[in-house]
Amino acid sequence: MALSVGFFGGVATWSLLSIGTILLWGVFTAWASYFAAGGDNKAIALNITCNSFGSFVAWAVAVLGLLNPVPGLSMPIWLGILVAASIVFFVLCSQLPALGFVPGIVFGYATTFAYLSQTPGAFSLDALLAANFSNVLPLVIVSMAVGTMFGTASAKGAGMLATKSATT
């Protein structure tokens, strides 16, 4: 496992830093999430779905946060209310089998808010509604799907190395 994850980690870092755009830390977060979801074929769809749903919920909170309908209510209080409600919402949604991996939802949610809070200009309606990778939603979803694929590749590679080792 160490050899396979190390190899694919190096390939991910080299290729994604060469390409740009895709969030390397989002890839590694989803990669870990994939293994936490079971690290098998069933974990692929579960992880991508839950990471994406978490990102979507965080994106919706950000959009609603900027559209604060209550004059005089401060942004931190309004966002706090939205975050509290959204967490209750996504935990309740986890009763659906396709969304049954709460840590995966949280990883997508947290990755989205990390990007929004650390990237100048990302937390604006212009960026949040853009039809490109300046919008955190497609950026995080694609980055995390790529991470799930790297996780899958490293799991398969580890399985091949273990099989080869057992036969020699």
N, C-alpha and C. Protein backbone atom coordinates (compact mmCIF):
# COMPACT_ATOMS: atom_id res chain seq x y z
N MET A 1 0.84 -1.19 0.00
CA MET A 1 0.00 0.00 0.00
C MET A 1 0.88 1.25 0.00
N ALA A 2 1.91 1.25 0.83
CA ALA A 2 2.79 2.42 0.91
C ALA A 2 3.42 2.73 -0.44
N LEU A 3 3.89 1.69 -1.14
CA LEU A 3 4.51 1.91 -2.44
C LEU A 3 3.50 2.44 -3.46
N SER A 4 2.33 1.86 -3.49
CA SER A 4 1.33 2.27 -4.45
C SER A 4 0.84 3.70 -4.19
N VAL A 5 0.49 4.00 -2.95
CA VAL A 5 0.03 5.35 -2.62
C VAL A 5 1.15 6.36 -2.83
N GLY A 6 2.36 6.00 -2.46
CA GLY A 6 3.49 6.90 -2.68
C GLY A 6 3.71 7.18 -4.16
N PHE A 7 3.67 6.13 -4.97
CA PHE A 7 3.84 6.30 -6.42
C PHE A 7 2.76 7.20 -6.99
N PHE A 8 1.51 6.86 -6.71
CA PHE A 8 0.40 7.66 -7.26
C PHE A 8 0.36 9.06 -6.66
N GLY A 9 0.79 9.21 -5.42
CA GLY A 9 0.88 10.55 -4.83
C GLY A 9 1.87 11.42 -5.56
N GLY A 10 3.00 10.82 -5.93
CA GLY A 10 3.99 11.55 -6.73
C GLY A 10 3.47 11.91 -8.10
N VAL A 11 2.79 10.97 -8.75
CA VAL A 11 2.22 11.22 -10.07
C VAL A 11 1.15 12.32 -9.98
N ALA A 12 0.31 12.25 -8.95
CA ALA A 12 -0.75 13.26 -8.79
C ALA A 12 -0.12 14.64 -8.60
N THR A 13 0.85 14.73 -7.75
CA THR A 13 1.48 16.03 -7.47
C THR A 13 2.13 16.58 -8.73
N TRP A 14 2.94 15.78 -9.40
CA TRP A 14 3.61 16.22 -10.62
C TRP A 14 2.60 16.65 -11.68
N SER A 15 1.61 15.79 -11.96
CA SER A 15 0.70 16.08 -13.06
C SER A 15 -0.22 17.26 -12.74
N LEU A 16 -0.76 17.30 -11.53
CA LEU A 16 -1.71 18.37 -11.22
C LEU A 16 -1.03 19.72 -11.05
N LEU A 17 0.18 19.74 -10.51
CA LEU A 17 0.89 21.01 -10.43
C LEU A 17 1.36 21.46 -11.81
N SER A 18 1.59 20.53 -12.72
CA SER A 18 1.95 20.88 -14.09
C SER A 18 0.76 21.45 -14.85
N ILE A 19 -0.40 20.87 -14.62
CA ILE A 19 -1.62 21.30 -15.31
C ILE A 19 -2.16 22.59 -14.71
N GLY A 20 -2.14 22.67 -13.38
CA GLY A 20 -2.78 23.79 -12.69
C GLY A 20 -4.27 23.52 -12.57
N THR A 21 -5.01 24.47 -12.08
CA THR A 21 -6.47 24.45 -11.94
C THR A 21 -6.96 23.46 -10.88
N ILE A 22 -6.77 22.17 -11.05
CA ILE A 22 -7.27 21.17 -10.10
C ILE A 22 -6.59 21.38 -8.75
N LEU A 23 -7.38 21.31 -7.68
CA LEU A 23 -6.87 21.55 -6.32
C LEU A 23 -6.19 20.29 -5.79
N LEU A 24 -4.88 20.31 -5.69
CA LEU A 24 -4.14 19.14 -5.22
C LEU A 24 -4.59 18.73 -3.82
N TRP A 25 -4.81 19.69 -2.93
CA TRP A 25 -5.24 19.35 -1.58
C TRP A 25 -6.66 18.79 -1.59
N GLY A 26 -7.50 19.20 -2.53
CA GLY A 26 -8.82 18.60 -2.69
C GLY A 26 -8.72 17.17 -3.17
N VAL A 27 -7.76 16.91 -4.05
CA VAL A 27 -7.51 15.55 -4.53
C VAL A 27 -7.11 14.66 -3.37
N PHE A 28 -6.16 15.11 -2.56
CA PHE A 28 -5.70 14.29 -1.43
C PHE A 28 -6.80 14.10 -0.38
N THR A 29 -7.64 15.11 -0.19
CA THR A 29 -8.74 14.96 0.76
C THR A 29 -9.71 13.89 0.29
N ALA A 30 -10.08 13.92 -0.99
CA ALA A 30 -10.99 12.91 -1.53
C ALA A 30 -10.35 11.53 -1.56
N TRP A 31 -9.07 11.47 -1.78
CA TRP A 31 -8.33 10.21 -1.78
C TRP A 31 -8.46 9.55 -0.42
N ALA A 32 -8.23 10.31 0.64
CA ALA A 32 -8.38 9.78 2.00
C ALA A 32 -9.83 9.41 2.27
N SER A 33 -10.74 10.23 1.78
CA SER A 33 -12.17 9.98 1.95
C SER A 33 -12.56 8.66 1.29
N TYR A 34 -12.01 8.39 0.10
CA TYR A 34 -12.28 7.13 -0.61
C TYR A 34 -11.88 5.93 0.26
N PHE A 35 -10.72 5.99 0.87
CA PHE A 35 -10.30 4.88 1.73
C PHE A 35 -11.17 4.80 2.99
N ALA A 36 -11.57 5.95 3.52
CA ALA A 36 -12.46 5.94 4.69
C ALA A 36 -13.82 5.35 4.35
N ALA A 37 -14.23 5.48 3.08
CA ALA A 37 -15.50 4.93 2.63
C ALA A 37 -15.42 3.43 2.34
N GLY A 38 -14.27 2.85 2.50
CA GLY A 38 -14.11 1.41 2.29
C GLY A 38 -13.03 1.04 1.29
N GLY A 39 -12.63 1.98 0.45
CA GLY A 39 -11.53 1.75 -0.48
C GLY A 39 -11.78 0.64 -1.49
N ASP A 40 -13.03 0.41 -1.85
CA ASP A 40 -13.35 -0.64 -2.81
C ASP A 40 -14.21 -0.06 -3.93
N ASN A 41 -14.71 -0.92 -4.81
CA ASN A 41 -15.49 -0.43 -5.94
C ASN A 41 -16.76 0.29 -5.50
N LYS A 42 -17.40 -0.17 -4.43
CA LYS A 42 -18.61 0.50 -3.94
C LYS A 42 -18.28 1.90 -3.42
N ALA A 43 -17.08 2.08 -2.92
CA ALA A 43 -16.67 3.37 -2.35
C ALA A 43 -16.52 4.45 -3.42
N ILE A 44 -16.30 4.07 -4.66
CA ILE A 44 -16.10 5.05 -5.73
C ILE A 44 -17.33 5.95 -5.87
N ALA A 45 -18.48 5.35 -6.17
CA ALA A 45 -19.70 6.15 -6.36
C ALA A 45 -20.12 6.84 -5.07
N LEU A 46 -20.02 6.13 -3.95
CA LEU A 46 -20.41 6.71 -2.67
C LEU A 46 -19.57 7.95 -2.36
N ASN A 47 -18.27 7.84 -2.56
CA ASN A 47 -17.39 8.96 -2.25
C ASN A 47 -17.64 10.15 -3.17
N ILE A 48 -17.73 9.90 -4.46
CA ILE A 48 -17.95 11.00 -5.40
C ILE A 48 -19.30 11.67 -5.12
N THR A 49 -20.31 10.87 -4.87
CA THR A 49 -21.64 11.43 -4.59
C THR A 49 -21.63 12.25 -3.31
N CYS A 50 -21.06 11.71 -2.25
CA CYS A 50 -21.07 12.41 -0.96
C CYS A 50 -20.17 13.65 -0.98
N ASN A 51 -18.97 13.54 -1.56
CA ASN A 51 -18.11 14.73 -1.68
C ASN A 51 -18.80 15.82 -2.48
N SER A 52 -19.43 15.44 -3.59
CA SER A 52 -20.11 16.41 -4.45
C SER A 52 -21.30 17.04 -3.74
N PHE A 53 -22.07 16.24 -3.03
CA PHE A 53 -23.22 16.76 -2.30
C PHE A 53 -22.76 17.74 -1.22
N GLY A 54 -21.72 17.41 -0.50
CA GLY A 54 -21.19 18.32 0.51
C GLY A 54 -20.74 19.63 -0.10
N SER A 55 -20.09 19.55 -1.25
CA SER A 55 -19.65 20.77 -1.94
C SER A 55 -20.86 21.59 -2.39
N PHE A 56 -21.88 20.91 -2.92
CA PHE A 56 -23.08 21.63 -3.36
C PHE A 56 -23.76 22.34 -2.20
N VAL A 57 -23.88 21.67 -1.06
CA VAL A 57 -24.53 22.29 0.11
C VAL A 57 -23.73 23.51 0.56
N ALA A 58 -22.41 23.40 0.61
CA ALA A 58 -21.58 24.54 1.01
C ALA A 58 -21.71 25.68 0.01
N TRP A 59 -21.72 25.35 -1.27
CA TRP A 59 -21.89 26.36 -2.32
C TRP A 59 -23.23 27.09 -2.14
N ALA A 60 -24.29 26.32 -1.89
CA ALA A 60 -25.62 26.92 -1.69
C ALA A 60 -25.62 27.84 -0.46
N VAL A 61 -24.95 27.42 0.60
CA VAL A 61 -24.85 28.27 1.79
C VAL A 61 -24.13 29.57 1.44
N ALA A 62 -23.07 29.48 0.67
CA ALA A 62 -22.33 30.68 0.28
C ALA A 62 -23.19 31.63 -0.54
N VAL A 63 -23.92 31.09 -1.51
CA VAL A 63 -24.80 31.92 -2.34
C VAL A 63 -25.87 32.57 -1.46
N LEU A 64 -26.53 31.76 -0.65
CA LEU A 64 -27.57 32.31 0.23
C LEU A 64 -26.99 33.31 1.23
N GLY A 65 -25.77 33.06 1.66
CA GLY A 65 -25.12 33.99 2.58
C GLY A 65 -24.94 35.37 1.98
N LEU A 66 -24.60 35.40 0.71
CA LEU A 66 -24.42 36.68 0.02
C LEU A 66 -25.74 37.36 -0.31
N LEU A 67 -26.83 36.60 -0.30
CA LEU A 67 -28.16 37.16 -0.59
C LEU A 67 -28.95 37.40 0.69
N ASN A 68 -28.27 37.74 1.74
CA ASN A 68 -28.87 37.95 3.05
C ASN A 68 -30.15 38.79 2.94
N PRO A 69 -31.33 38.20 3.25
CA PRO A 69 -32.59 38.92 3.09
C PRO A 69 -32.99 39.76 4.31
N VAL A 70 -32.19 39.72 5.35
CA VAL A 70 -32.57 40.41 6.59
C VAL A 70 -31.68 41.64 6.78
N PRO A 71 -32.23 42.82 6.52
CA PRO A 71 -31.43 44.04 6.70
C PRO A 71 -30.94 44.16 8.15
N GLY A 72 -29.70 44.51 8.30
CA GLY A 72 -29.14 44.70 9.63
C GLY A 72 -28.57 43.44 10.28
N LEU A 73 -28.85 42.28 9.72
CA LEU A 73 -28.30 41.04 10.27
C LEU A 73 -26.87 40.88 9.73
N SER A 74 -25.92 40.77 10.63
CA SER A 74 -24.52 40.70 10.19
C SER A 74 -24.24 39.41 9.43
N MET A 75 -23.28 39.50 8.53
CA MET A 75 -22.89 38.34 7.73
C MET A 75 -22.47 37.16 8.61
N PRO A 76 -21.65 37.34 9.66
CA PRO A 76 -21.28 36.19 10.48
C PRO A 76 -22.48 35.50 11.14
N ILE A 77 -23.46 36.27 11.59
CA ILE A 77 -24.64 35.65 12.21
C ILE A 77 -25.46 34.92 11.15
N TRP A 78 -25.69 35.55 9.99
CA TRP A 78 -26.46 34.94 8.92
C TRP A 78 -25.79 33.66 8.44
N LEU A 79 -24.48 33.70 8.22
CA LEU A 79 -23.77 32.49 7.78
C LEU A 79 -23.81 31.41 8.87
N GLY A 80 -23.71 31.81 10.13
CA GLY A 80 -23.81 30.84 11.21
C GLY A 80 -25.15 30.13 11.21
N ILE A 81 -26.20 30.86 10.97
CA ILE A 81 -27.54 30.26 10.89
C ILE A 81 -27.62 29.30 9.71
N LEU A 82 -27.11 29.75 8.56
CA LEU A 82 -27.14 28.90 7.36
C LEU A 82 -26.30 27.63 7.54
N VAL A 83 -25.13 27.77 8.13
CA VAL A 83 -24.27 26.60 8.35
C VAL A 83 -24.96 25.62 9.30
N ALA A 84 -25.53 26.12 10.39
CA ALA A 84 -26.23 25.23 11.32
C ALA A 84 -27.35 24.48 10.61
N ALA A 85 -28.16 25.20 9.86
CA ALA A 85 -29.28 24.56 9.15
C ALA A 85 -28.78 23.58 8.10
N SER A 86 -27.71 23.93 7.40
CA SER A 86 -27.20 23.05 6.34
C SER A 86 -26.61 21.76 6.90
N ILE A 87 -26.01 21.83 8.06
CA ILE A 87 -25.46 20.62 8.68
C ILE A 87 -26.60 19.69 9.08
N VAL A 88 -27.63 20.24 9.70
CA VAL A 88 -28.80 19.42 10.03
C VAL A 88 -29.35 18.79 8.75
N PHE A 89 -29.46 19.59 7.68
CA PHE A 89 -29.96 19.11 6.40
C PHE A 89 -29.13 17.95 5.86
N PHE A 90 -27.80 18.12 5.77
CA PHE A 90 -27.02 17.05 5.15
C PHE A 90 -26.92 15.81 6.01
N VAL A 91 -26.96 15.97 7.32
CA VAL A 91 -26.97 14.77 8.17
C VAL A 91 -28.29 14.02 8.00
N LEU A 92 -29.40 14.73 7.92
CA LEU A 92 -30.69 14.07 7.66
C LEU A 92 -30.69 13.41 6.28
N CYS A 93 -30.11 14.06 5.29
CA CYS A 93 -30.02 13.48 3.95
C CYS A 93 -29.19 12.21 3.92
N SER A 94 -28.30 12.04 4.89
CA SER A 94 -27.44 10.85 4.91
C SER A 94 -28.23 9.58 5.16
N GLN A 95 -29.52 9.70 5.46
CA GLN A 95 -30.37 8.52 5.59
C GLN A 95 -30.61 7.86 4.23
N LEU A 96 -30.43 8.63 3.16
CA LEU A 96 -30.53 8.07 1.82
C LEU A 96 -29.26 7.27 1.54
N PRO A 97 -29.39 6.04 1.04
CA PRO A 97 -28.19 5.22 0.82
C PRO A 97 -27.11 5.89 -0.02
N ALA A 98 -27.49 6.63 -1.04
CA ALA A 98 -26.49 7.28 -1.91
C ALA A 98 -25.71 8.37 -1.18
N LEU A 99 -26.26 8.86 -0.06
CA LEU A 99 -25.60 9.93 0.72
C LEU A 99 -25.24 9.43 2.11
N GLY A 100 -25.10 8.13 2.26
CA GLY A 100 -24.93 7.50 3.56
C GLY A 100 -23.53 7.54 4.15
N PHE A 101 -22.67 8.40 3.66
CA PHE A 101 -21.31 8.51 4.19
C PHE A 101 -21.07 9.95 4.62
N VAL A 102 -21.48 10.26 5.84
CA VAL A 102 -21.40 11.64 6.36
C VAL A 102 -19.98 12.20 6.29
N PRO A 103 -18.93 11.45 6.64
CA PRO A 103 -17.60 12.05 6.51
C PRO A 103 -17.30 12.52 5.08
N GLY A 104 -17.75 11.79 4.08
CA GLY A 104 -17.54 12.22 2.69
C GLY A 104 -18.26 13.52 2.39
N ILE A 105 -19.47 13.68 2.94
CA ILE A 105 -20.20 14.93 2.76
C ILE A 105 -19.43 16.06 3.43
N VAL A 106 -18.96 15.81 4.65
CA VAL A 106 -18.22 16.84 5.39
C VAL A 106 -16.93 17.21 4.65
N PHE A 107 -16.24 16.23 4.08
CA PHE A 107 -15.01 16.55 3.35
C PHE A 107 -15.31 17.47 2.16
N GLY A 108 -16.37 17.22 1.42
CA GLY A 108 -16.74 18.09 0.30
C GLY A 108 -17.14 19.47 0.78
N TYR A 109 -17.89 19.52 1.87
CA TYR A 109 -18.36 20.77 2.48
C TYR A 109 -17.17 21.59 2.95
N ALA A 110 -16.28 20.95 3.70
CA ALA A 110 -15.12 21.65 4.26
C ALA A 110 -14.15 22.11 3.18
N THR A 111 -13.94 21.28 2.17
CA THR A 111 -13.04 21.65 1.07
C THR A 111 -13.58 22.88 0.35
N THR A 112 -14.87 22.93 0.16
CA THR A 112 -15.50 24.08 -0.50
C THR A 112 -15.31 25.35 0.33
N PHE A 113 -15.60 25.25 1.62
CA PHE A 113 -15.43 26.44 2.47
C PHE A 113 -13.95 26.82 2.63
N ALA A 114 -13.06 25.85 2.61
CA ALA A 114 -11.64 26.18 2.68
C ALA A 114 -11.25 27.04 1.47
N TYR A 115 -11.67 26.61 0.30
CA TYR A 115 -11.36 27.38 -0.90
C TYR A 115 -11.98 28.77 -0.84
N LEU A 116 -13.26 28.84 -0.45
CA LEU A 116 -13.95 30.13 -0.39
C LEU A 116 -13.30 31.09 0.60
N SER A 117 -12.84 30.55 1.72
CA SER A 117 -12.29 31.43 2.75
C SER A 117 -10.83 31.82 2.50
N GLN A 118 -10.14 31.09 1.64
CA GLN A 118 -8.72 31.36 1.44
C GLN A 118 -8.38 31.92 0.06
N THR A 119 -9.35 31.96 -0.85
CA THR A 119 -9.06 32.38 -2.21
C THR A 119 -9.67 33.76 -2.47
N PRO A 120 -8.84 34.76 -2.69
CA PRO A 120 -9.37 36.10 -2.94
C PRO A 120 -10.36 36.11 -4.11
N GLY A 121 -11.51 36.73 -3.88
CA GLY A 121 -12.52 36.87 -4.91
C GLY A 121 -13.45 35.67 -5.08
N ALA A 122 -13.16 34.56 -4.44
CA ALA A 122 -13.98 33.35 -4.63
C ALA A 122 -15.35 33.47 -3.97
N PHE A 123 -15.42 34.20 -2.86
CA PHE A 123 -16.67 34.35 -2.12
C PHE A 123 -17.40 35.60 -2.60
N SER A 124 -17.85 35.54 -3.84
CA SER A 124 -18.61 36.62 -4.46
C SER A 124 -19.63 35.98 -5.39
N LEU A 125 -20.74 36.67 -5.62
CA LEU A 125 -21.75 36.11 -6.52
C LEU A 125 -21.21 35.92 -7.93
N ASP A 126 -20.36 36.85 -8.37
CA ASP A 126 -19.78 36.70 -9.72
C ASP A 126 -19.03 35.38 -9.84
N ALA A 127 -18.20 35.08 -8.86
CA ALA A 127 -17.42 33.83 -8.91
C ALA A 127 -18.31 32.62 -8.68
N LEU A 128 -19.21 32.70 -7.71
CA LEU A 128 -20.06 31.55 -7.37
C LEU A 128 -21.04 31.18 -8.48
N LEU A 129 -21.35 32.11 -9.35
CA LEU A 129 -22.30 31.84 -10.43
C LEU A 129 -21.62 31.72 -11.80
N ALA A 130 -20.31 31.79 -11.82
CA ALA A 130 -19.57 31.68 -13.09
C ALA A 130 -19.65 30.26 -13.63
N ALA A 131 -19.64 30.15 -14.94
CA ALA A 131 -19.68 28.84 -15.60
C ALA A 131 -18.27 28.40 -15.98
N ASN A 132 -17.37 28.45 -15.00
CA ASN A 132 -15.99 28.03 -15.21
C ASN A 132 -15.37 27.67 -13.86
N PHE A 133 -14.07 27.40 -13.86
CA PHE A 133 -13.41 26.96 -12.63
C PHE A 133 -13.09 28.09 -11.66
N SER A 134 -13.54 29.31 -11.93
CA SER A 134 -13.47 30.32 -10.88
C SER A 134 -14.61 30.10 -9.89
N ASN A 135 -15.58 29.28 -10.29
CA ASN A 135 -16.69 28.87 -9.43
C ASN A 135 -16.22 27.65 -8.62
N VAL A 136 -16.29 27.76 -7.32
CA VAL A 136 -15.81 26.72 -6.43
C VAL A 136 -16.53 25.39 -6.64
N LEU A 137 -17.79 25.42 -7.03
CA LEU A 137 -18.56 24.18 -7.13
C LEU A 137 -17.98 23.20 -8.16
N PRO A 138 -17.84 23.59 -9.43
CA PRO A 138 -17.23 22.62 -10.36
C PRO A 138 -15.77 22.33 -10.03
N LEU A 139 -15.07 23.33 -9.52
CA LEU A 139 -13.66 23.13 -9.20
C LEU A 139 -13.47 22.07 -8.13
N VAL A 140 -14.22 22.16 -7.05
CA VAL A 140 -14.09 21.18 -5.97
C VAL A 140 -14.63 19.82 -6.40
N ILE A 141 -15.75 19.79 -7.08
CA ILE A 141 -16.32 18.49 -7.49
C ILE A 141 -15.35 17.75 -8.41
N VAL A 142 -14.80 18.44 -9.39
CA VAL A 142 -13.84 17.80 -10.30
C VAL A 142 -12.58 17.38 -9.55
N SER A 143 -12.05 18.27 -8.71
CA SER A 143 -10.84 17.94 -7.95
C SER A 143 -11.05 16.70 -7.09
N MET A 144 -12.20 16.63 -6.42
CA MET A 144 -12.45 15.50 -5.53
C MET A 144 -12.75 14.22 -6.31
N ALA A 145 -13.38 14.33 -7.48
CA ALA A 145 -13.58 13.14 -8.31
C ALA A 145 -12.22 12.61 -8.79
N VAL A 146 -11.32 13.51 -9.15
CA VAL A 146 -9.97 13.10 -9.54
C VAL A 146 -9.28 12.41 -8.36
N GLY A 147 -9.47 12.94 -7.16
CA GLY A 147 -8.89 12.31 -5.97
C GLY A 147 -9.43 10.91 -5.73
N THR A 148 -10.72 10.73 -5.96
CA THR A 148 -11.30 9.39 -5.82
C THR A 148 -10.67 8.44 -6.83
N MET A 149 -10.42 8.92 -8.04
CA MET A 149 -9.80 8.07 -9.07
C MET A 149 -8.35 7.72 -8.70
N PHE A 150 -7.63 8.67 -8.14
CA PHE A 150 -6.27 8.36 -7.67
C PHE A 150 -6.33 7.37 -6.51
N GLY A 151 -7.29 7.52 -5.63
CA GLY A 151 -7.45 6.56 -4.54
C GLY A 151 -7.73 5.17 -5.08
N THR A 152 -8.61 5.10 -6.06
CA THR A 152 -8.94 3.81 -6.67
C THR A 152 -7.71 3.19 -7.33
N ALA A 153 -6.97 4.00 -8.07
CA ALA A 153 -5.76 3.50 -8.74
C ALA A 153 -4.75 3.00 -7.72
N SER A 154 -4.59 3.74 -6.63
CA SER A 154 -3.60 3.30 -5.62
C SER A 154 -4.06 2.03 -4.91
N ALA A 155 -5.36 1.87 -4.70
CA ALA A 155 -5.88 0.63 -4.09
C ALA A 155 -5.66 -0.55 -5.03
N LYS A 156 -5.95 -0.35 -6.31
CA LYS A 156 -5.74 -1.42 -7.30
C LYS A 156 -4.25 -1.75 -7.41
N GLY A 157 -3.41 -0.72 -7.41
CA GLY A 157 -1.96 -0.94 -7.47
C GLY A 157 -1.47 -1.71 -6.27
N ALA A 158 -1.97 -1.37 -5.09
CA ALA A 158 -1.58 -2.10 -3.88
C ALA A 158 -2.02 -3.55 -3.96
N GLY A 159 -3.23 -3.78 -4.50
CA GLY A 159 -3.71 -5.15 -4.66
C GLY A 159 -2.85 -5.95 -5.62
N MET A 160 -2.42 -5.32 -6.70
CA MET A 160 -1.55 -6.00 -7.66
C MET A 160 -0.19 -6.30 -7.05
N LEU A 161 0.36 -5.36 -6.29
CA LEU A 161 1.65 -5.60 -5.65
C LEU A 161 1.55 -6.70 -4.59
N ALA A 162 0.45 -6.73 -3.85
CA ALA A 162 0.27 -7.77 -2.82
C ALA A 162 0.12 -9.13 -3.47
N THR A 163 -0.62 -9.20 -4.60
CA THR A 163 -0.79 -10.46 -5.30
C THR A 163 0.53 -10.94 -5.86
N LYS A 164 1.30 -10.02 -6.45
CA LYS A 164 2.60 -10.38 -7.02
C LYS A 164 3.54 -10.85 -5.92
N SER A 165 3.53 -10.15 -4.78
CA SER A 165 4.37 -10.51 -3.66
C SER A 165 4.01 -11.89 -3.10
N ALA A 166 2.73 -12.20 -3.06
CA ALA A 166 2.27 -13.48 -2.51
C ALA A 166 2.63 -14.64 -3.43
N THR A 167 2.78 -14.39 -4.73
CA THR A 167 3.08 -15.47 -5.67
C THR A 167 4.58 -15.68 -5.85
N THR A 168 5.40 -14.76 -5.35
CA THR A 168 6.85 -14.93 -5.53
C THR A 168 7.51 -15.48 -4.29
